[in-house]
């Protein structure tokens, strides 16, 4: 029994519940938003919906990595899902082993939740559904979604935390 406890402690700690709750909540919000955009707003039948002068809603099926990078054909989708699973497992171990604060648990949860949301898209849609088209000061960012925002926010929080932690 002690070996099983040791193995499980590799994936579970004091802050694991907070991290997993954050991940599942974020993945659910991301998937609900994508469902609404595709089925209620029917964004695929529109070319562009202007929300603000600097923000449009569009539909882009991203077969690459975050923000449209490294576009691939359909054969790479399962490989990317496998990569997401490995990242989530590594982050779960990190959360259990190094998670010393609630802010770190939330940050890791945001990254895991974003990875889960995008992995679901790859399996269900054959690519990640991106909707936000941001452009300002002559620069046009690649389209992105809520999961991408969560991944970036989680990484920023982790970096900030690493600079401010004692």
N, C-alpha and C. Protein backbone atom coordinates (compact mmCIF):
# COMPACT_ATOMS: atom_id res chain seq x y z
N UNK A 1 0.83 -1.20 0.00
CA UNK A 1 0.00 0.00 0.00
C UNK A 1 0.86 1.25 0.00
N UNK A 2 2.00 1.18 0.63
CA UNK A 2 2.90 2.32 0.70
C UNK A 2 3.41 2.72 -0.68
N UNK A 3 3.66 1.73 -1.55
CA UNK A 3 4.13 2.03 -2.90
C UNK A 3 3.04 2.75 -3.69
N UNK A 4 1.79 2.32 -3.53
CA UNK A 4 0.69 2.98 -4.20
C UNK A 4 0.53 4.40 -3.71
N UNK A 5 0.64 4.60 -2.41
CA UNK A 5 0.56 5.94 -1.84
C UNK A 5 1.68 6.82 -2.37
N UNK A 6 2.88 6.29 -2.44
CA UNK A 6 4.00 7.05 -2.99
C UNK A 6 3.76 7.42 -4.45
N UNK A 7 3.22 6.47 -5.23
CA UNK A 7 2.94 6.75 -6.63
C UNK A 7 1.87 7.82 -6.77
N UNK A 8 0.79 7.71 -6.00
CA UNK A 8 -0.29 8.70 -6.08
C UNK A 8 0.17 10.07 -5.61
N UNK A 9 1.08 10.12 -4.64
CA UNK A 9 1.57 11.42 -4.17
C UNK A 9 2.38 12.13 -5.25
N UNK A 10 2.83 11.38 -6.24
CA UNK A 10 3.52 11.99 -7.38
C UNK A 10 2.58 12.92 -8.13
N UNK A 11 1.27 12.60 -8.15
CA UNK A 11 0.28 13.37 -8.90
C UNK A 11 -0.67 14.17 -8.02
N UNK A 12 -0.54 14.10 -6.70
CA UNK A 12 -1.53 14.77 -5.84
C UNK A 12 -0.84 15.45 -4.68
N UNK A 13 -1.26 16.68 -4.40
CA UNK A 13 -0.73 17.42 -3.26
C UNK A 13 -1.82 18.31 -2.69
N UNK A 14 -1.43 19.13 -1.78
CA UNK A 14 -2.35 20.04 -1.10
C UNK A 14 -3.10 20.95 -2.07
N UNK A 15 -2.42 21.41 -3.14
CA UNK A 15 -3.02 22.35 -4.08
C UNK A 15 -3.53 21.70 -5.36
N UNK A 16 -3.46 20.39 -5.44
CA UNK A 16 -3.89 19.71 -6.67
C UNK A 16 -5.36 19.93 -6.97
N UNK A 17 -6.21 19.91 -5.96
CA UNK A 17 -7.64 20.11 -6.18
C UNK A 17 -7.91 21.48 -6.79
N UNK A 18 -7.24 22.52 -6.29
CA UNK A 18 -7.42 23.86 -6.84
C UNK A 18 -6.95 23.91 -8.29
N UNK A 19 -5.80 23.32 -8.57
CA UNK A 19 -5.28 23.32 -9.93
C UNK A 19 -6.19 22.57 -10.89
N UNK A 20 -6.68 21.40 -10.47
CA UNK A 20 -7.57 20.62 -11.33
C UNK A 20 -8.92 21.29 -11.51
N UNK A 21 -9.44 21.91 -10.45
CA UNK A 21 -10.70 22.64 -10.57
C UNK A 21 -10.55 23.79 -11.56
N UNK A 22 -9.44 24.51 -11.46
CA UNK A 22 -9.17 25.59 -12.41
C UNK A 22 -9.10 25.04 -13.83
N UNK A 23 -8.38 23.93 -14.02
CA UNK A 23 -8.23 23.33 -15.35
C UNK A 23 -9.57 22.91 -15.93
N UNK A 24 -10.37 22.20 -15.15
CA UNK A 24 -11.65 21.71 -15.66
C UNK A 24 -12.64 22.85 -15.90
N UNK A 25 -12.62 23.86 -15.03
CA UNK A 25 -13.48 25.03 -15.23
C UNK A 25 -13.10 25.76 -16.50
N UNK A 26 -11.80 25.98 -16.68
CA UNK A 26 -11.34 26.70 -17.87
C UNK A 26 -11.65 25.91 -19.14
N UNK A 27 -11.38 24.60 -19.14
CA UNK A 27 -11.67 23.78 -20.32
C UNK A 27 -13.17 23.79 -20.64
N UNK A 28 -14.01 23.78 -19.61
CA UNK A 28 -15.46 23.83 -19.81
C UNK A 28 -15.90 25.16 -20.40
N UNK A 29 -15.38 26.26 -19.86
CA UNK A 29 -15.70 27.59 -20.39
C UNK A 29 -15.24 27.70 -21.84
N UNK A 30 -14.04 27.23 -22.12
CA UNK A 30 -13.50 27.27 -23.48
C UNK A 30 -14.39 26.49 -24.44
N UNK A 31 -14.77 25.27 -24.06
CA UNK A 31 -15.60 24.45 -24.94
C UNK A 31 -17.00 25.02 -25.10
N UNK A 32 -17.57 25.56 -24.02
CA UNK A 32 -18.89 26.19 -24.10
C UNK A 32 -18.84 27.40 -25.03
N UNK A 33 -17.80 28.20 -24.93
CA UNK A 33 -17.64 29.37 -25.81
C UNK A 33 -17.52 28.93 -27.27
N UNK A 34 -16.73 27.89 -27.52
CA UNK A 34 -16.56 27.41 -28.89
C UNK A 34 -17.88 26.85 -29.44
N UNK A 35 -18.60 26.12 -28.60
CA UNK A 35 -19.90 25.60 -29.02
C UNK A 35 -20.84 26.75 -29.38
N UNK A 36 -20.87 27.78 -28.54
CA UNK A 36 -21.74 28.92 -28.79
C UNK A 36 -21.35 29.64 -30.08
N UNK A 37 -20.06 29.86 -30.27
CA UNK A 37 -19.59 30.55 -31.48
C UNK A 37 -19.94 29.76 -32.73
N UNK A 38 -19.79 28.44 -32.69
CA UNK A 38 -20.02 27.61 -33.88
C UNK A 38 -21.50 27.29 -34.11
N UNK A 39 -22.26 27.09 -33.04
CA UNK A 39 -23.64 26.62 -33.20
C UNK A 39 -24.71 27.69 -33.01
N UNK A 40 -24.50 28.64 -32.14
CA UNK A 40 -25.49 29.68 -31.90
C UNK A 40 -25.20 30.90 -32.77
N UNK A 41 -24.00 31.43 -32.66
CA UNK A 41 -23.62 32.59 -33.48
C UNK A 41 -23.38 32.18 -34.93
N UNK A 42 -23.07 30.91 -35.16
CA UNK A 42 -22.78 30.37 -36.49
C UNK A 42 -21.72 31.20 -37.20
N UNK A 43 -20.60 31.37 -36.52
CA UNK A 43 -19.52 32.22 -37.01
C UNK A 43 -18.94 31.71 -38.33
N UNK A 44 -19.11 30.43 -38.62
CA UNK A 44 -18.54 29.88 -39.86
C UNK A 44 -19.23 30.44 -41.10
N UNK A 45 -20.47 30.94 -40.96
CA UNK A 45 -21.17 31.50 -42.12
C UNK A 45 -20.85 32.98 -42.32
N UNK A 46 -20.18 33.60 -41.38
CA UNK A 46 -19.79 35.01 -41.49
C UNK A 46 -18.31 35.09 -41.84
N UNK A 47 -17.94 36.16 -42.49
CA UNK A 47 -16.51 36.34 -42.73
C UNK A 47 -15.85 37.01 -41.54
N UNK A 48 -16.42 38.12 -41.08
CA UNK A 48 -15.86 38.87 -39.95
C UNK A 48 -16.98 39.61 -39.24
N UNK A 49 -16.95 39.59 -37.92
CA UNK A 49 -17.87 40.39 -37.11
C UNK A 49 -17.02 41.37 -36.32
N UNK A 50 -17.19 42.67 -36.58
CA UNK A 50 -16.39 43.66 -35.86
C UNK A 50 -17.03 43.93 -34.50
N UNK A 51 -16.24 43.75 -33.44
CA UNK A 51 -16.69 44.00 -32.08
C UNK A 51 -16.24 45.39 -31.64
N UNK A 52 -14.97 45.68 -31.85
CA UNK A 52 -14.36 46.98 -31.61
C UNK A 52 -13.48 47.29 -32.81
N UNK A 53 -13.01 48.54 -32.95
CA UNK A 53 -12.12 48.84 -34.09
C UNK A 53 -10.84 48.00 -34.10
N UNK A 54 -10.49 47.42 -32.97
CA UNK A 54 -9.25 46.63 -32.87
C UNK A 54 -9.51 45.13 -32.66
N UNK A 55 -10.78 44.71 -32.62
CA UNK A 55 -11.11 43.31 -32.33
C UNK A 55 -12.26 42.84 -33.21
N UNK A 56 -12.00 41.77 -33.95
CA UNK A 56 -13.02 41.13 -34.77
C UNK A 56 -13.24 39.70 -34.27
N UNK A 57 -14.41 39.17 -34.56
CA UNK A 57 -14.67 37.76 -34.37
C UNK A 57 -14.62 37.10 -35.74
N UNK A 58 -13.83 36.05 -35.85
CA UNK A 58 -13.67 35.30 -37.09
C UNK A 58 -13.67 33.82 -36.75
N UNK A 59 -13.67 32.98 -37.77
CA UNK A 59 -13.47 31.55 -37.53
C UNK A 59 -12.24 31.11 -38.29
N UNK A 60 -11.27 30.56 -37.55
CA UNK A 60 -10.07 30.00 -38.14
C UNK A 60 -9.88 28.62 -37.55
N UNK A 61 -9.72 27.63 -38.41
CA UNK A 61 -9.40 26.28 -37.94
C UNK A 61 -7.89 26.15 -37.96
N UNK A 62 -7.30 26.19 -36.78
CA UNK A 62 -5.85 26.18 -36.63
C UNK A 62 -5.37 24.73 -36.49
N UNK A 63 -4.67 24.26 -37.48
CA UNK A 63 -4.14 22.90 -37.43
C UNK A 63 -2.71 22.88 -36.90
N UNK A 64 -2.18 24.04 -36.55
CA UNK A 64 -0.82 24.13 -36.02
C UNK A 64 -0.84 24.24 -34.50
N UNK A 65 0.15 24.96 -33.97
CA UNK A 65 0.28 25.16 -32.53
C UNK A 65 -0.38 26.49 -32.18
N UNK A 66 -0.18 27.01 -30.99
CA UNK A 66 -0.81 28.23 -30.53
C UNK A 66 -0.62 29.38 -31.51
N UNK A 67 -1.68 30.18 -31.64
CA UNK A 67 -1.67 31.39 -32.44
C UNK A 67 -1.32 31.13 -33.90
N UNK A 68 -1.67 29.96 -34.43
CA UNK A 68 -1.49 29.66 -35.84
C UNK A 68 -0.10 29.24 -36.26
N UNK A 69 0.81 29.09 -35.33
CA UNK A 69 2.18 28.71 -35.68
C UNK A 69 2.24 27.23 -36.08
N UNK A 70 3.17 26.92 -36.97
CA UNK A 70 3.48 25.55 -37.39
C UNK A 70 2.26 24.80 -37.91
N UNK A 71 1.57 25.40 -38.88
CA UNK A 71 0.42 24.74 -39.50
C UNK A 71 0.86 23.42 -40.11
N UNK A 72 0.07 22.38 -39.91
CA UNK A 72 0.39 21.04 -40.42
C UNK A 72 -0.83 20.46 -41.11
N UNK A 73 -0.64 19.32 -41.75
CA UNK A 73 -1.79 18.61 -42.30
C UNK A 73 -2.45 17.79 -41.19
N UNK A 74 -3.52 17.07 -41.54
CA UNK A 74 -4.30 16.34 -40.54
C UNK A 74 -3.53 15.23 -39.84
N UNK A 75 -2.47 14.73 -40.45
CA UNK A 75 -1.74 13.62 -39.84
C UNK A 75 -1.03 14.02 -38.54
N UNK A 76 -0.76 15.30 -38.37
CA UNK A 76 -0.08 15.75 -37.17
C UNK A 76 -0.99 15.99 -35.98
N UNK A 77 -2.32 15.92 -36.17
CA UNK A 77 -3.25 16.24 -35.10
C UNK A 77 -3.13 15.30 -33.91
N UNK A 78 -3.07 14.00 -34.16
CA UNK A 78 -2.95 13.04 -33.05
C UNK A 78 -1.62 13.19 -32.34
N UNK A 79 -0.58 13.51 -33.08
CA UNK A 79 0.72 13.74 -32.46
C UNK A 79 0.66 14.94 -31.53
N UNK A 80 -0.01 16.01 -31.96
CA UNK A 80 -0.16 17.18 -31.10
C UNK A 80 -1.02 16.88 -29.88
N UNK A 81 -2.06 16.07 -30.02
CA UNK A 81 -2.88 15.68 -28.86
C UNK A 81 -2.02 14.88 -27.88
N UNK A 82 -1.22 13.96 -28.39
CA UNK A 82 -0.31 13.18 -27.55
C UNK A 82 0.65 14.12 -26.81
N UNK A 83 1.16 15.13 -27.50
CA UNK A 83 2.05 16.12 -26.90
C UNK A 83 1.32 16.87 -25.78
N UNK A 84 0.06 17.25 -26.00
CA UNK A 84 -0.74 17.92 -24.97
C UNK A 84 -0.90 17.03 -23.73
N UNK A 85 -1.15 15.75 -23.96
CA UNK A 85 -1.32 14.81 -22.84
C UNK A 85 -0.03 14.73 -22.02
N UNK A 86 1.11 14.63 -22.69
CA UNK A 86 2.40 14.58 -21.99
C UNK A 86 2.61 15.87 -21.20
N UNK A 87 2.32 17.01 -21.80
CA UNK A 87 2.47 18.29 -21.10
C UNK A 87 1.57 18.33 -19.87
N UNK A 88 0.33 17.89 -20.00
CA UNK A 88 -0.59 17.89 -18.85
C UNK A 88 -0.08 16.99 -17.73
N UNK A 89 0.44 15.81 -18.07
CA UNK A 89 0.98 14.92 -17.05
C UNK A 89 2.19 15.54 -16.35
N UNK A 90 3.07 16.14 -17.12
CA UNK A 90 4.25 16.81 -16.53
C UNK A 90 3.79 17.94 -15.61
N UNK A 91 2.81 18.72 -16.06
CA UNK A 91 2.31 19.82 -15.23
C UNK A 91 1.62 19.30 -13.97
N UNK A 92 0.93 18.17 -14.05
CA UNK A 92 0.31 17.58 -12.86
C UNK A 92 1.37 17.17 -11.84
N UNK A 93 2.46 16.58 -12.33
CA UNK A 93 3.55 16.22 -11.42
C UNK A 93 4.16 17.47 -10.83
N UNK A 94 4.36 18.50 -11.65
CA UNK A 94 4.91 19.77 -11.16
C UNK A 94 3.99 20.37 -10.11
N UNK A 95 2.70 20.36 -10.38
CA UNK A 95 1.73 20.88 -9.42
C UNK A 95 1.81 20.13 -8.10
N UNK A 96 1.93 18.82 -8.16
CA UNK A 96 1.98 18.01 -6.93
C UNK A 96 3.31 18.16 -6.20
N UNK A 97 4.40 18.29 -6.94
CA UNK A 97 5.73 18.31 -6.32
C UNK A 97 6.19 19.71 -5.94
N UNK A 98 5.93 20.67 -6.80
CA UNK A 98 6.48 22.01 -6.56
C UNK A 98 5.40 23.03 -6.22
N UNK A 99 4.15 22.63 -6.30
CA UNK A 99 3.06 23.56 -6.03
C UNK A 99 3.03 23.99 -4.58
N UNK A 100 3.56 25.15 -4.30
CA UNK A 100 3.66 25.62 -2.92
C UNK A 100 2.70 26.76 -2.62
N UNK A 101 1.89 27.16 -3.60
CA UNK A 101 0.97 28.26 -3.35
C UNK A 101 -0.27 28.11 -4.22
N UNK A 102 -1.32 28.77 -3.80
CA UNK A 102 -2.56 28.71 -4.57
C UNK A 102 -2.41 29.41 -5.91
N UNK A 103 -1.62 30.48 -5.97
CA UNK A 103 -1.43 31.19 -7.25
C UNK A 103 -0.72 30.29 -8.25
N UNK A 104 0.24 29.51 -7.79
CA UNK A 104 0.94 28.59 -8.68
C UNK A 104 -0.02 27.48 -9.15
N UNK A 105 -0.87 27.01 -8.27
CA UNK A 105 -1.85 25.98 -8.64
C UNK A 105 -2.81 26.51 -9.70
N UNK A 106 -3.26 27.75 -9.54
CA UNK A 106 -4.16 28.35 -10.53
C UNK A 106 -3.44 28.52 -11.86
N UNK A 107 -2.20 28.99 -11.83
CA UNK A 107 -1.43 29.18 -13.07
C UNK A 107 -1.26 27.86 -13.81
N UNK A 108 -0.87 26.82 -13.11
CA UNK A 108 -0.70 25.51 -13.74
C UNK A 108 -2.05 24.99 -14.22
N UNK A 109 -3.10 25.23 -13.45
CA UNK A 109 -4.44 24.83 -13.87
C UNK A 109 -4.89 25.53 -15.14
N UNK A 110 -4.54 26.81 -15.29
CA UNK A 110 -4.87 27.54 -16.52
C UNK A 110 -4.18 26.91 -17.73
N UNK A 111 -2.92 26.54 -17.56
CA UNK A 111 -2.17 25.92 -18.67
C UNK A 111 -2.76 24.56 -19.01
N UNK A 112 -3.04 23.75 -17.99
CA UNK A 112 -3.62 22.42 -18.23
C UNK A 112 -5.00 22.56 -18.88
N UNK A 113 -5.82 23.46 -18.36
CA UNK A 113 -7.16 23.66 -18.93
C UNK A 113 -7.12 24.11 -20.37
N UNK A 114 -6.20 25.02 -20.69
CA UNK A 114 -6.05 25.46 -22.08
C UNK A 114 -5.61 24.32 -22.99
N UNK A 115 -4.68 23.51 -22.50
CA UNK A 115 -4.22 22.36 -23.29
C UNK A 115 -5.36 21.37 -23.51
N UNK A 116 -6.16 21.13 -22.48
CA UNK A 116 -7.29 20.21 -22.62
C UNK A 116 -8.30 20.76 -23.63
N UNK A 117 -8.63 22.04 -23.52
CA UNK A 117 -9.59 22.65 -24.45
C UNK A 117 -9.14 22.54 -25.89
N UNK A 118 -7.87 22.83 -26.15
CA UNK A 118 -7.36 22.74 -27.52
C UNK A 118 -7.23 21.29 -27.99
N UNK A 119 -6.91 20.37 -27.08
CA UNK A 119 -6.83 18.95 -27.46
C UNK A 119 -8.21 18.42 -27.85
N UNK A 120 -9.24 18.83 -27.11
CA UNK A 120 -10.61 18.43 -27.46
C UNK A 120 -10.95 18.90 -28.87
N UNK A 121 -10.58 20.14 -29.20
CA UNK A 121 -10.83 20.66 -30.55
C UNK A 121 -10.14 19.81 -31.61
N UNK A 122 -8.89 19.47 -31.36
CA UNK A 122 -8.14 18.68 -32.35
C UNK A 122 -8.82 17.33 -32.60
N UNK A 123 -9.30 16.71 -31.53
CA UNK A 123 -9.97 15.41 -31.68
C UNK A 123 -11.35 15.55 -32.31
N UNK A 124 -12.08 16.60 -31.92
CA UNK A 124 -13.47 16.76 -32.35
C UNK A 124 -13.59 17.50 -33.69
N UNK A 125 -12.77 18.53 -33.90
CA UNK A 125 -12.91 19.39 -35.08
C UNK A 125 -11.79 19.21 -36.10
N UNK A 126 -10.74 18.47 -35.75
CA UNK A 126 -9.61 18.31 -36.66
C UNK A 126 -8.64 19.47 -36.63
N UNK A 127 -8.84 20.39 -35.74
CA UNK A 127 -7.97 21.55 -35.57
C UNK A 127 -8.56 22.41 -34.47
N UNK A 128 -7.81 23.37 -33.99
CA UNK A 128 -8.27 24.23 -32.91
C UNK A 128 -9.10 25.38 -33.48
N UNK A 129 -10.27 25.60 -32.90
CA UNK A 129 -11.15 26.69 -33.33
C UNK A 129 -10.69 27.99 -32.68
N UNK A 130 -10.26 28.95 -33.50
CA UNK A 130 -9.83 30.27 -33.02
C UNK A 130 -10.84 31.31 -33.50
N UNK A 131 -11.11 32.31 -32.66
CA UNK A 131 -12.15 33.29 -32.97
C UNK A 131 -11.73 34.74 -32.81
N UNK A 132 -10.79 35.03 -31.93
CA UNK A 132 -10.45 36.42 -31.64
C UNK A 132 -9.38 36.91 -32.61
N UNK A 133 -9.70 37.98 -33.31
CA UNK A 133 -8.81 38.57 -34.31
C UNK A 133 -8.46 39.98 -33.83
N UNK A 134 -7.29 40.12 -33.22
CA UNK A 134 -6.86 41.37 -32.60
C UNK A 134 -5.86 42.08 -33.51
N UNK A 135 -6.08 43.37 -33.72
CA UNK A 135 -5.17 44.15 -34.56
C UNK A 135 -5.09 45.58 -34.01
N UNK A 136 -3.88 46.10 -33.92
CA UNK A 136 -3.68 47.45 -33.40
C UNK A 136 -2.32 47.97 -33.82
N UNK A 137 -2.24 49.26 -34.02
CA UNK A 137 -0.99 49.95 -34.32
C UNK A 137 -0.25 49.32 -35.50
N UNK A 138 -1.00 48.89 -36.51
CA UNK A 138 -0.39 48.32 -37.70
C UNK A 138 0.03 46.87 -37.56
N UNK A 139 -0.21 46.26 -36.42
CA UNK A 139 0.15 44.86 -36.23
C UNK A 139 -1.12 44.02 -36.14
N UNK A 140 -1.09 42.86 -36.75
CA UNK A 140 -2.23 41.96 -36.75
C UNK A 140 -1.81 40.64 -36.11
N UNK A 141 -2.35 40.35 -34.91
CA UNK A 141 -2.01 39.10 -34.22
C UNK A 141 -2.73 37.94 -34.89
N UNK A 142 -2.14 36.76 -34.87
CA UNK A 142 -2.87 35.58 -35.36
C UNK A 142 -4.11 35.33 -34.50
N UNK A 143 -5.13 34.75 -35.08
CA UNK A 143 -6.37 34.47 -34.35
C UNK A 143 -6.08 33.55 -33.17
N UNK A 144 -6.85 33.73 -32.09
CA UNK A 144 -6.64 32.93 -30.88
C UNK A 144 -7.98 32.68 -30.20
N UNK A 145 -7.96 31.91 -29.12
CA UNK A 145 -9.19 31.56 -28.41
C UNK A 145 -8.98 31.66 -26.89
N UNK A 146 -10.00 31.32 -26.14
CA UNK A 146 -9.93 31.41 -24.67
C UNK A 146 -8.85 30.48 -24.11
N UNK A 147 -8.71 29.29 -24.68
CA UNK A 147 -7.68 28.36 -24.20
C UNK A 147 -6.28 28.95 -24.39
N UNK A 148 -6.04 29.60 -25.54
CA UNK A 148 -4.74 30.23 -25.78
C UNK A 148 -4.48 31.34 -24.76
N UNK A 149 -5.52 32.13 -24.47
CA UNK A 149 -5.38 33.21 -23.47
C UNK A 149 -5.00 32.61 -22.12
N UNK A 150 -5.66 31.52 -21.74
CA UNK A 150 -5.39 30.88 -20.44
C UNK A 150 -3.97 30.34 -20.38
N UNK A 151 -3.50 29.73 -21.46
CA UNK A 151 -2.13 29.20 -21.48
C UNK A 151 -1.12 30.33 -21.31
N UNK A 152 -1.31 31.41 -22.05
CA UNK A 152 -0.39 32.55 -21.94
C UNK A 152 -0.47 33.17 -20.55
N UNK A 153 -1.68 33.37 -20.04
CA UNK A 153 -1.84 33.94 -18.70
C UNK A 153 -1.19 33.06 -17.64
N UNK A 154 -1.39 31.75 -17.74
CA UNK A 154 -0.75 30.83 -16.79
C UNK A 154 0.76 30.92 -16.84
N UNK A 155 1.33 31.01 -18.04
CA UNK A 155 2.79 31.14 -18.18
C UNK A 155 3.29 32.46 -17.61
N UNK A 156 2.55 33.55 -17.86
CA UNK A 156 2.94 34.86 -17.32
C UNK A 156 2.91 34.82 -15.79
N UNK A 157 1.88 34.23 -15.22
CA UNK A 157 1.79 34.13 -13.76
C UNK A 157 2.96 33.31 -13.21
N UNK A 158 3.28 32.19 -13.85
CA UNK A 158 4.41 31.37 -13.40
C UNK A 158 5.72 32.14 -13.48
N UNK A 159 5.92 32.88 -14.57
CA UNK A 159 7.16 33.67 -14.69
C UNK A 159 7.21 34.76 -13.62
N UNK A 160 6.11 35.48 -13.44
CA UNK A 160 6.06 36.53 -12.42
C UNK A 160 6.31 35.92 -11.05
N UNK A 161 5.68 34.79 -10.77
CA UNK A 161 5.85 34.12 -9.49
C UNK A 161 7.30 33.68 -9.27
N UNK A 162 7.96 33.24 -10.33
CA UNK A 162 9.36 32.80 -10.18
C UNK A 162 10.29 33.97 -9.86
N UNK A 163 9.94 35.17 -10.34
CA UNK A 163 10.77 36.34 -10.05
C UNK A 163 10.50 36.93 -8.67
N UNK A 164 9.29 36.72 -8.16
CA UNK A 164 8.93 37.32 -6.88
C UNK A 164 9.01 36.35 -5.71
N UNK A 165 9.12 35.05 -5.99
CA UNK A 165 9.17 34.05 -4.91
C UNK A 165 10.50 34.12 -4.17
N UNK A 166 10.44 33.82 -2.90
CA UNK A 166 11.67 33.83 -2.10
C UNK A 166 12.39 32.52 -2.20
